[in-house]
C-alpha atoms as a PDB file:
ATOM      1  CA  UNK A   1       0.000   0.000   0.000  1.00  0.00           C
ATOM      2  CA  UNK A   2       1.393   3.389  -0.963  1.00  0.00           C
ATOM      3  CA  UNK A   3       1.482   6.260   1.599  1.00  0.00           C
ATOM      4  CA  UNK A   4      -1.338   8.219  -0.077  1.00  0.00           C
ATOM      5  CA  UNK A   5      -3.713   5.257  -0.036  1.00  0.00           C
ATOM      6  CA  UNK A   6      -2.740   4.503   3.568  1.00  0.00           C
ATOM      7  CA  UNK A   7      -3.518   8.073   4.618  1.00  0.00           C
ATOM      8  CA  UNK A   8      -6.915   7.963   2.914  1.00  0.00           C
ATOM      9  CA  UNK A   9      -7.717   4.735   4.735  1.00  0.00           C
ATOM     10  CA  UNK A  10      -6.563   6.259   8.025  1.00  0.00           C
ATOM     11  CA  UNK A  11      -8.876   9.242   7.582  1.00  0.00           C
ATOM     12  CA  UNK A  12     -11.782   6.873   6.941  1.00  0.00           C
ATOM     13  CA  UNK A  13     -11.010   4.644   9.952  1.00  0.00           C
ATOM     14  CA  UNK A  14     -10.532   7.596  12.305  1.00  0.00           C
ATOM     15  CA  UNK A  15     -13.853   9.020  11.151  1.00  0.00           C
ATOM     16  CA  UNK A  16     -15.561   5.784  12.227  1.00  0.00           C
ATOM     17  CA  UNK A  17     -14.091   5.761  15.742  1.00  0.00           C
ATOM     18  CA  UNK A  18     -16.428   5.469  18.704  1.00  0.00           C
ATOM     19  CA  UNK A  19     -16.322   3.997  22.202  1.00  0.00           C
ATOM     20  CA  UNK A  20     -16.478   0.380  20.972  1.00  0.00           C
ATOM     21  CA  UNK A  21     -13.416  -1.833  20.973  1.00  0.00           C
ATOM     22  CA  UNK A  22     -14.247  -2.992  17.459  1.00  0.00           C
ATOM     23  CA  UNK A  23     -13.583   0.432  15.913  1.00  0.00           C
ATOM     24  CA  UNK A  24     -10.395   0.869  17.965  1.00  0.00           C
ATOM     25  CA  UNK A  25      -9.265  -2.652  17.097  1.00  0.00           C
ATOM     26  CA  UNK A  26      -9.800  -2.069  13.366  1.00  0.00           C
ATOM     27  CA  UNK A  27      -7.631   1.049  13.442  1.00  0.00           C
ATOM     28  CA  UNK A  28      -4.953  -0.617  15.596  1.00  0.00           C
ATOM     29  CA  UNK A  29      -4.806  -3.672  13.315  1.00  0.00           C
ATOM     30  CA  UNK A  30      -4.366  -1.465  10.254  1.00  0.00           C
ATOM     31  CA  UNK A  31      -1.537   0.535  11.836  1.00  0.00           C
ATOM     32  CA  UNK A  32       0.230  -2.595  13.097  1.00  0.00           C
ATOM     33  CA  UNK A  33      -0.160  -4.381   9.757  1.00  0.00           C
ATOM     34  CA  UNK A  34       1.398  -1.518   7.785  1.00  0.00           C
ATOM     35  CA  UNK A  35       4.368  -1.082  10.089  1.00  0.00           C
ATOM     36  CA  UNK A  36       6.540  -0.011   7.153  1.00  0.00           C
ATOM     37  CA  UNK A  37       4.474   3.201   7.007  1.00  0.00           C
ATOM     38  CA  UNK A  38       4.456   3.842  10.749  1.00  0.00           C
ATOM     39  CA  UNK A  39       5.903   7.371  10.545  1.00  0.00           C
ATOM     40  CA  UNK A  40       3.318   8.416   7.941  1.00  0.00           C
ATOM     41  CA  UNK A  41       0.432   6.784   9.802  1.00  0.00           C
ATOM     42  CA  UNK A  42       1.313   8.359  13.140  1.00  0.00           C
ATOM     43  CA  UNK A  43       1.826  11.762  11.514  1.00  0.00           C
ATOM     44  CA  UNK A  44      -1.541  11.368   9.802  1.00  0.00           C
ATOM     45  CA  UNK A  45      -3.471  10.622  12.992  1.00  0.00           C
ATOM     46  CA  UNK A  46      -1.769  13.538  14.763  1.00  0.00           C
ATOM     47  CA  UNK A  47      -2.685  15.848  11.871  1.00  0.00           C
ATOM     48  CA  UNK A  48      -6.296  14.709  12.108  1.00  0.00           C
ATOM     49  CA  UNK A  49      -6.280  15.317  15.856  1.00  0.00           C
ATOM     50  CA  UNK A  50      -4.787  18.793  15.470  1.00  0.00           C
ATOM     51  CA  UNK A  51      -7.065  19.803  12.591  1.00  0.00           C
ATOM     52  CA  UNK A  52     -10.287  18.484  14.122  1.00  0.00           C
ATOM     53  CA  UNK A  53     -12.660  21.326  14.917  1.00  0.00           C
ATOM     54  CA  UNK A  54     -12.191  22.535  18.474  1.00  0.00           C
ATOM     55  CA  UNK A  55     -15.841  21.990  19.319  1.00  0.00           C
ATOM     56  CA  UNK A  56     -15.724  18.360  18.120  1.00  0.00           C
ATOM     57  CA  UNK A  57     -14.728  17.105  21.563  1.00  0.00           C
ATOM     58  CA  UNK A  58     -16.086  13.619  20.885  1.00  0.00           C
ATOM     59  CA  UNK A  59     -13.761  13.029  17.929  1.00  0.00           C
ATOM     60  CA  UNK A  60     -10.720  14.232  19.866  1.00  0.00           C
ATOM     61  CA  UNK A  61     -11.640  12.029  22.797  1.00  0.00           C
ATOM     62  CA  UNK A  62     -12.083   8.958  20.587  1.00  0.00           C
ATOM     63  CA  UNK A  63      -8.704   9.488  18.906  1.00  0.00           C
ATOM     64  CA  UNK A  64      -6.974   9.679  22.290  1.00  0.00           C
ATOM     65  CA  UNK A  65      -8.505   6.394  23.430  1.00  0.00           C
ATOM     66  CA  UNK A  66      -7.720   4.733  20.084  1.00  0.00           C
ATOM     67  CA  UNK A  67      -4.028   5.642  20.441  1.00  0.00           C
ATOM     68  CA  UNK A  68      -4.014   4.161  23.932  1.00  0.00           C
ATOM     69  CA  UNK A  69      -5.661   0.970  22.668  1.00  0.00           C
ATOM     70  CA  UNK A  70      -3.040   0.693  19.912  1.00  0.00           C
ATOM     71  CA  UNK A  71      -0.162   1.037  22.375  1.00  0.00           C
ATOM     72  CA  UNK A  72      -1.637  -1.522  24.781  1.00  0.00           C
ATOM     73  CA  UNK A  73      -1.917  -4.037  21.937  1.00  0.00           C
ATOM     74  CA  UNK A  74       1.704  -3.396  20.989  1.00  0.00           C
ATOM     75  CA  UNK A  75       2.797  -3.820  24.622  1.00  0.00           C
ATOM     76  CA  UNK A  76       1.127  -7.245  24.644  1.00  0.00           C
ATOM     77  CA  UNK A  77       2.652  -8.174  21.276  1.00  0.00           C
ATOM     78  CA  UNK A  78       6.163  -7.132  22.335  1.00  0.00           C
ATOM     79  CA  UNK A  79       5.921  -8.971  25.657  1.00  0.00           C
ATOM     80  CA  UNK A  80       5.072 -12.241  23.902  1.00  0.00           C
ATOM     81  CA  UNK A  81       7.660 -11.664  21.157  1.00  0.00           C
ATOM     82  CA  UNK A  82      10.490 -11.073  23.635  1.00  0.00           C
ATOM     83  CA  UNK A  83       9.495 -14.128  25.666  1.00  0.00           C
ATOM     84  CA  UNK A  84       9.632 -16.341  22.581  1.00  0.00           C
ATOM     85  CA  UNK A  85      13.048 -14.937  21.666  1.00  0.00           C
ATOM     86  CA  UNK A  86      14.338 -15.575  25.196  1.00  0.00           C
ATOM     87  CA  UNK A  87      13.052 -19.153  25.064  1.00  0.00           C
ATOM     88  CA  UNK A  88      14.589 -19.738  21.636  1.00  0.00           C
ATOM     89  CA  UNK A  89      11.177 -20.255  20.058  1.00  0.00           C
ATOM     90  CA  UNK A  90      10.947 -19.286  16.372  1.00  0.00           C
ATOM     91  CA  UNK A  91       8.992 -16.051  16.031  1.00  0.00           C
ATOM     92  CA  UNK A  92       8.830 -15.875  12.245  1.00  0.00           C
ATOM     93  CA  UNK A  93       8.802 -12.486  10.571  1.00  0.00           C
ATOM     94  CA  UNK A  94       8.264 -10.492  13.774  1.00  0.00           C
ATOM     95  CA  UNK A  95       8.262  -6.707  13.805  1.00  0.00           C
ATOM     96  CA  UNK A  96       9.402  -4.171  16.337  1.00  0.00           C
ATOM     97  CA  UNK A  97       6.408  -1.823  16.469  1.00  0.00           C
ATOM     98  CA  UNK A  98       7.370   0.158  19.555  1.00  0.00           C
ATOM     99  CA  UNK A  99       7.644   3.348  17.468  1.00  0.00           C
ATOM    100  CA  UNK A 100       4.002   4.115  18.230  1.00  0.00           C
ATOM    101  CA  UNK A 101       4.531   3.671  21.976  1.00  0.00           C
ATOM    102  CA  UNK A 102       7.614   5.879  22.026  1.00  0.00           C
ATOM    103  CA  UNK A 103       5.793   8.526  19.981  1.00  0.00           C
ATOM    104  CA  UNK A 104       2.777   8.535  22.297  1.00  0.00           C
ATOM    105  CA  UNK A 105       5.069   8.918  25.318  1.00  0.00           C
ATOM    106  CA  UNK A 106       6.708  11.944  23.685  1.00  0.00           C
ATOM    107  CA  UNK A 107       3.391  13.560  22.699  1.00  0.00           C
ATOM    108  CA  UNK A 108       1.303  12.467  25.697  1.00  0.00           C
ATOM    109  CA  UNK A 109       1.197  15.817  27.504  1.00  0.00           C
ATOM    110  CA  UNK A 110       0.361  17.707  24.310  1.00  0.00           C
ATOM    111  CA  UNK A 111      -2.369  15.250  23.332  1.00  0.00           C
ATOM    112  CA  UNK A 112      -4.114  15.091  26.701  1.00  0.00           C
ATOM    113  CA  UNK A 113      -3.729  18.655  28.006  1.00  0.00           C
ATOM    114  CA  UNK A 114      -3.826  20.692  24.780  1.00  0.00           C
ATOM    115  CA  UNK A 115      -5.513  18.826  21.938  1.00  0.00           C
ATOM    116  CA  UNK A 116      -8.066  16.666  23.761  1.00  0.00           C
ATOM    117  CA  UNK A 117      -8.596  18.659  26.955  1.00  0.00           C
ATOM    118  CA  UNK A 118      -7.749  22.288  26.275  1.00  0.00           C
ATOM    119  CA  UNK A 119      -7.893  24.835  29.090  1.00  0.00           C
ATOM    120  CA  UNK A 120     -11.282  26.326  28.249  1.00  0.00           C
ATOM    121  CA  UNK A 121     -14.967  25.585  28.677  1.00  0.00           C
ATOM    122  CA  UNK A 122     -15.045  23.283  25.657  1.00  0.00           C
ATOM    123  CA  UNK A 123     -11.914  21.339  26.582  1.00  0.00           C
ATOM    124  CA  UNK A 124     -13.120  20.742  30.134  1.00  0.00           C
ATOM    125  CA  UNK A 125     -15.771  18.411  28.754  1.00  0.00           C
ATOM    126  CA  UNK A 126     -12.967  15.889  28.163  1.00  0.00           C
ATOM    127  CA  UNK A 127     -11.209  16.416  31.506  1.00  0.00           C
ATOM    128  CA  UNK A 128     -12.618  13.389  33.348  1.00  0.00           C
ATOM    129  CA  UNK A 129     -12.144  11.171  30.315  1.00  0.00           C
ATOM    130  CA  UNK A 130      -8.526  12.317  29.932  1.00  0.00           C
ATOM    131  CA  UNK A 131      -7.801  11.614  33.611  1.00  0.00           C
ATOM    132  CA  UNK A 132      -9.346   8.151  33.301  1.00  0.00           C
ATOM    133  CA  UNK A 133      -7.234   7.524  30.201  1.00  0.00           C
ATOM    134  CA  UNK A 134      -4.011   8.654  31.912  1.00  0.00           C
ATOM    135  CA  UNK A 135      -4.620   6.493  34.968  1.00  0.00           C
ATOM    136  CA  UNK A 136      -5.255   3.500  32.723  1.00  0.00           C
ATOM    137  CA  UNK A 137      -2.023   4.141  30.824  1.00  0.00           C
ATOM    138  CA  UNK A 138      -0.205   4.427  34.157  1.00  0.00           C
ATOM    139  CA  UNK A 139      -1.599   1.093  35.286  1.00  0.00           C
ATOM    140  CA  UNK A 140      -0.537  -0.527  32.003  1.00  0.00           C
ATOM    141  CA  UNK A 141       2.969   1.013  32.252  1.00  0.00           C
ATOM    142  CA  UNK A 142       2.873   2.911  28.969  1.00  0.00           C
ATOM    143  CA  UNK A 143       6.225   2.967  27.185  1.00  0.00           C
ATOM    144  CA  UNK A 144       7.670  -0.178  28.775  1.00  0.00           C
ATOM    145  CA  UNK A 145       7.883  -2.051  25.461  1.00  0.00           C
ATOM    146  CA  UNK A 146       9.739   0.885  23.902  1.00  0.00           C
ATOM    147  CA  UNK A 147      12.228   1.064  26.762  1.00  0.00           C
ATOM    148  CA  UNK A 148      10.615   4.288  27.986  1.00  0.00           C
ATOM    149  CA  UNK A 149       8.855   3.024  31.098  1.00  0.00           C
ATOM    150  CA  UNK A 150      10.250   5.686  33.500  1.00  0.00           C
ATOM    151  CA  UNK A 151       9.740   8.457  30.943  1.00  0.00           C
ATOM    152  CA  UNK A 152       6.198   7.272  30.275  1.00  0.00           C
ATOM    153  CA  UNK A 153       5.386   7.359  33.994  1.00  0.00           C
ATOM    154  CA  UNK A 154       6.896  10.830  34.273  1.00  0.00           C
ATOM    155  CA  UNK A 155       4.852  12.138  31.338  1.00  0.00           C
ATOM    156  CA  UNK A 156       1.654  10.613  32.715  1.00  0.00           C
ATOM    157  CA  UNK A 157       2.179  12.181  36.148  1.00  0.00           C
ATOM    158  CA  UNK A 158       2.953  15.526  34.530  1.00  0.00           C
ATOM    159  CA  UNK A 159      -0.237  15.461  32.454  1.00  0.00           C
ATOM    160  CA  UNK A 160      -2.349  14.432  35.456  1.00  0.00           C
ATOM    161  CA  UNK A 161      -0.862  17.248  37.518  1.00  0.00           C
ATOM    162  CA  UNK A 162      -1.637  19.823  34.812  1.00  0.00           C
ATOM    163  CA  UNK A 163      -5.255  18.694  34.480  1.00  0.00           C
ATOM    164  CA  UNK A 164      -5.898  18.510  38.216  1.00  0.00           C
ATOM    165  CA  UNK A 165      -4.546  22.018  38.802  1.00  0.00           C
ATOM    166  CA  UNK A 166      -6.876  23.613  36.286  1.00  0.00           C
ATOM    167  CA  UNK A 167      -9.531  25.710  37.981  1.00  0.00           C
ATOM    168  CA  UNK A 168     -13.206  25.462  37.014  1.00  0.00           C
ATOM    169  CA  UNK A 169     -14.809  28.477  35.339  1.00  0.00           C
ATOM    170  CA  UNK A 170     -15.764  31.347  37.619  1.00  0.00           C
ATOM    171  CA  UNK A 171     -19.300  31.659  36.288  1.00  0.00           C
ATOM    172  CA  UNK A 172     -22.047  29.229  37.120  1.00  0.00           C
ATOM    173  CA  UNK A 173     -21.616  26.104  34.991  1.00  0.00           C
ATOM    174  CA  UNK A 174     -25.355  26.113  34.275  1.00  0.00           C
ATOM    175  CA  UNK A 175     -24.866  29.372  32.372  1.00  0.00           C
ATOM    176  CA  UNK A 176     -22.255  27.907  30.028  1.00  0.00           C
ATOM    177  CA  UNK A 177     -23.448  27.546  26.464  1.00  0.00           C
ATOM    178  CA  UNK A 178     -21.453  24.679  25.006  1.00  0.00           C
ATOM    179  CA  UNK A 179     -21.300  24.562  21.190  1.00  0.00           C
ATOM    180  CA  UNK A 180     -22.688  21.028  21.008  1.00  0.00           C
ATOM    181  CA  UNK A 181     -25.847  19.929  19.309  1.00  0.00           C
ATOM    182  CA  UNK A 182     -28.300  17.702  21.126  1.00  0.00           C
ATOM    183  CA  UNK A 183     -27.207  14.821  18.905  1.00  0.00           C
ATOM    184  CA  UNK A 184     -23.559  15.338  19.923  1.00  0.00           C
ATOM    185  CA  UNK A 185     -24.512  15.477  23.595  1.00  0.00           C
ATOM    186  CA  UNK A 186     -26.521  12.279  23.376  1.00  0.00           C
ATOM    187  CA  UNK A 187     -23.734  10.539  21.466  1.00  0.00           C
ATOM    188  CA  UNK A 188     -21.178  11.605  24.067  1.00  0.00           C
ATOM    189  CA  UNK A 189     -23.364  10.371  26.934  1.00  0.00           C
ATOM    190  CA  UNK A 190     -23.762   7.030  25.169  1.00  0.00           C
ATOM    191  CA  UNK A 191     -20.013   6.695  24.518  1.00  0.00           C
ATOM    192  CA  UNK A 192     -19.128   7.613  28.110  1.00  0.00           C
ATOM    193  CA  UNK A 193     -21.545   4.966  29.386  1.00  0.00           C
ATOM    194  CA  UNK A 194     -20.044   2.412  26.990  1.00  0.00           C
ATOM    195  CA  UNK A 195     -16.476   3.134  28.132  1.00  0.00           C
ATOM    196  CA  UNK A 196     -17.498   3.046  31.783  1.00  0.00           C
ATOM    197  CA  UNK A 197     -19.206  -0.298  31.195  1.00  0.00           C
ATOM    198  CA  UNK A 198     -16.133  -1.753  29.456  1.00  0.00           C
ATOM    199  CA  UNK A 199     -13.845  -0.550  32.256  1.00  0.00           C
ATOM    200  CA  UNK A 200     -16.028  -2.275  34.856  1.00  0.00           C
ATOM    201  CA  UNK A 201     -16.069  -5.456  32.784  1.00  0.00           C
ATOM    202  CA  UNK A 202     -12.294  -5.381  32.304  1.00  0.00           C
ATOM    203  CA  UNK A 203     -11.812  -5.091  36.058  1.00  0.00           C
ATOM    204  CA  UNK A 204     -13.263  -8.614  36.376  1.00  0.00           C
ATOM    205  CA  UNK A 205     -11.515 -10.147  33.394  1.00  0.00           C
ATOM    206  CA  UNK A 206      -9.194 -13.032  34.276  1.00  0.00           C
ATOM    207  CA  UNK A 207      -6.527 -13.464  31.644  1.00  0.00           C
ATOM    208  CA  UNK A 208      -5.330 -16.752  30.222  1.00  0.00           C
ATOM    209  CA  UNK A 209      -3.045 -18.909  32.320  1.00  0.00           C
ATOM    210  CA  UNK A 210      -0.159 -18.010  30.034  1.00  0.00           C
ATOM    211  CA  UNK A 211      -0.666 -14.298  30.687  1.00  0.00           C
ATOM    212  CA  UNK A 212      -0.739 -14.814  34.451  1.00  0.00           C
ATOM    213  CA  UNK A 213       2.372 -17.008  34.246  1.00  0.00           C
ATOM    214  CA  UNK A 214       4.237 -14.346  32.247  1.00  0.00           C
ATOM    215  CA  UNK A 215       3.465 -11.711  34.868  1.00  0.00           C
ATOM    216  CA  UNK A 216       4.669 -13.969  37.685  1.00  0.00           C
ATOM    217  CA  UNK A 217       7.752 -15.026  35.721  1.00  0.00           C
ATOM    218  CA  UNK A 218       8.750 -11.436  34.988  1.00  0.00           C
ATOM    219  CA  UNK A 219       8.411 -10.654  38.696  1.00  0.00           C
ATOM    220  CA  UNK A 220      10.899 -13.372  39.707  1.00  0.00           C
ATOM    221  CA  UNK A 221      14.046 -12.051  41.345  1.00  0.00           C
ATOM    222  CA  UNK A 222      17.117 -14.109  40.552  1.00  0.00           C
ATOM    223  CA  UNK A 223      15.623 -16.372  37.937  1.00  0.00           C
ATOM    224  CA  UNK A 224      14.876 -20.095  38.111  1.00  0.00           C
ATOM    225  CA  UNK A 225      17.342 -21.858  40.441  1.00  0.00           C
ATOM    226  CA  UNK A 226      18.277 -25.530  40.654  1.00  0.00           C
ATOM    227  CA  UNK A 227      16.300 -25.792  43.895  1.00  0.00           C
ATOM    228  CA  UNK A 228      13.227 -24.468  42.106  1.00  0.00           C
ATOM    229  CA  UNK A 229      13.763 -27.173  39.503  1.00  0.00           C
ATOM    230  CA  UNK A 230      13.665 -29.961  42.101  1.00  0.00           C
ATOM    231  CA  UNK A 231      10.569 -28.562  43.807  1.00  0.00           C
ATOM    232  CA  UNK A 232       8.777 -28.202  40.487  1.00  0.00           C
ATOM    233  CA  UNK A 233       9.733 -31.753  39.537  1.00  0.00           C
ATOM    234  CA  UNK A 234       8.320 -33.024  42.829  1.00  0.00           C
ATOM    235  CA  UNK A 235       5.000 -31.278  42.322  1.00  0.00           C
ATOM    236  CA  UNK A 236       4.749 -32.570  38.757  1.00  0.00           C
ATOM    237  CA  UNK A 237       5.412 -36.129  39.916  1.00  0.00           C
ATOM    238  CA  UNK A 238       2.692 -35.887  42.561  1.00  0.00           C
ATOM    239  CA  UNK A 239       0.214 -34.693  39.957  1.00  0.00           C
ATOM    240  CA  UNK A 240       1.141 -37.563  37.641  1.00  0.00           C
ATOM    241  CA  UNK A 241       0.802 -40.158  40.407  1.00  0.00           C
ATOM    242  CA  UNK A 242      -2.608 -38.828  41.396  1.00  0.00           C
ATOM    243  CA  UNK A 243      -3.630 -38.877  37.756  1.00  0.00           C
ATOM    244  CA  UNK A 244      -2.888 -42.615  37.487  1.00  0.00           C
ATOM    245  CA  UNK A 245      -4.888 -43.478  40.606  1.00  0.00           C
ATOM    246  CA  UNK A 246      -2.254 -43.650  43.364  1.00  0.00           C
ATOM    247  CA  UNK A 247      -3.789 -42.382  46.619  1.00  0.00           C
ATOM    248  CA  UNK A 248      -2.304 -39.277  48.220  1.00  0.00           C
ATOM    249  CA  UNK A 249      -0.630 -40.974  51.196  1.00  0.00           C
ATOM    250  CA  UNK A 250       1.123 -43.488  48.946  1.00  0.00           C
ATOM    251  CA  UNK A 251       2.190 -40.696  46.616  1.00  0.00           C
ATOM    252  CA  UNK A 252       3.680 -38.742  49.511  1.00  0.00           C
ATOM    253  CA  UNK A 253       5.631 -41.801  50.725  1.00  0.00           C
ATOM    254  CA  UNK A 254       6.898 -42.479  47.226  1.00  0.00           C
ATOM    255  CA  UNK A 255       7.996 -38.903  46.724  1.00  0.00           C
ATOM    256  CA  UNK A 256       9.594 -38.726  50.155  1.00  0.00           C
ATOM    257  CA  UNK A 257      11.927 -41.557  49.188  1.00  0.00           C
ATOM    258  CA  UNK A 258      12.925 -39.731  46.022  1.00  0.00           C
ATOM    259  CA  UNK A 259      13.360 -36.478  47.919  1.00  0.00           C
ATOM    260  CA  UNK A 260      15.747 -38.090  50.397  1.00  0.00           C
ATOM    261  CA  UNK A 261      17.832 -39.284  47.487  1.00  0.00           C
ATOM    262  CA  UNK A 262      17.855 -35.807  45.954  1.00  0.00           C
ATOM    263  CA  UNK A 263      18.775 -34.139  49.225  1.00  0.00           C
ATOM    264  CA  UNK A 264      21.951 -36.195  49.282  1.00  0.00           C
ATOM    265  CA  UNK A 265      22.961 -34.606  45.962  1.00  0.00           C
ATOM    266  CA  UNK A 266      24.581 -31.121  46.084  1.00  0.00           C
ATOM    267  CA  UNK A 267      22.626 -28.489  44.156  1.00  0.00           C
ATOM    268  CA  UNK A 268      23.707 -24.947  43.263  1.00  0.00           C
ATOM    269  CA  UNK A 269      20.429 -23.532  44.540  1.00  0.00           C
ATOM    270  CA  UNK A 270      20.849 -25.109  47.959  1.00  0.00           C
ATOM    271  CA  UNK A 271      24.463 -24.033  48.255  1.00  0.00           C
ATOM    272  CA  UNK A 272      23.580 -20.395  47.612  1.00  0.00           C
ATOM    273  CA  UNK A 273      20.851 -20.510  50.246  1.00  0.00           C
ATOM    274  CA  UNK A 274      23.053 -22.090  52.907  1.00  0.00           C
END
């Protein structure tokens, strides 16, 4: 796909954005698929964000969330890719797509505090949504895949601080005349409800066993020792014995004999703990 055609497709996909994951996923898949045009695609979406009419707060808000969705998908992709490389598993024609994450880290303050939530009556409509977005990015450690974890956290905290320090308008908020049609207001209410619903649902989502294992594995301090290997082997043997019908007490006696034999053998893990 040539850059011009890609930009035309981007404009069309961005115009279809709403609070649903399907629209965000379609845009993210397109940008990840055409990684060879990543600079053009990112520049295009930023141009759309900057040129969007100031009173079109819904469009600006949707673009912000779509960029966050894209970066979260790339974080997941990179985590699995690096694990396969570390394990020596073939990864095929894998791509390093962290350009988008690094770019969002660099532009995060501008996007959230100037383009999406400007310091005026119109921009304040997006304030709560921007704060929710920033806290979600903080929880997901934005920028980690691009090697910009600390910088990402710093940018997030800076943006949150700017938004929280902004004072509400002096006049009564009921007197504000926001340049939004009734249709835009209803659409925004519907999209905010949809995002709130998805956030509540995601709070109860339990990931696959592989995802939970990867989180626990990454949190290990010191790696997998020889002692860990013996303990894991023992647990696996007990599971196998139970599977073939051996009662628990007999399994424990059988394993105890094997454990005594193993304890007589020197292991690097046990020596370091002594």
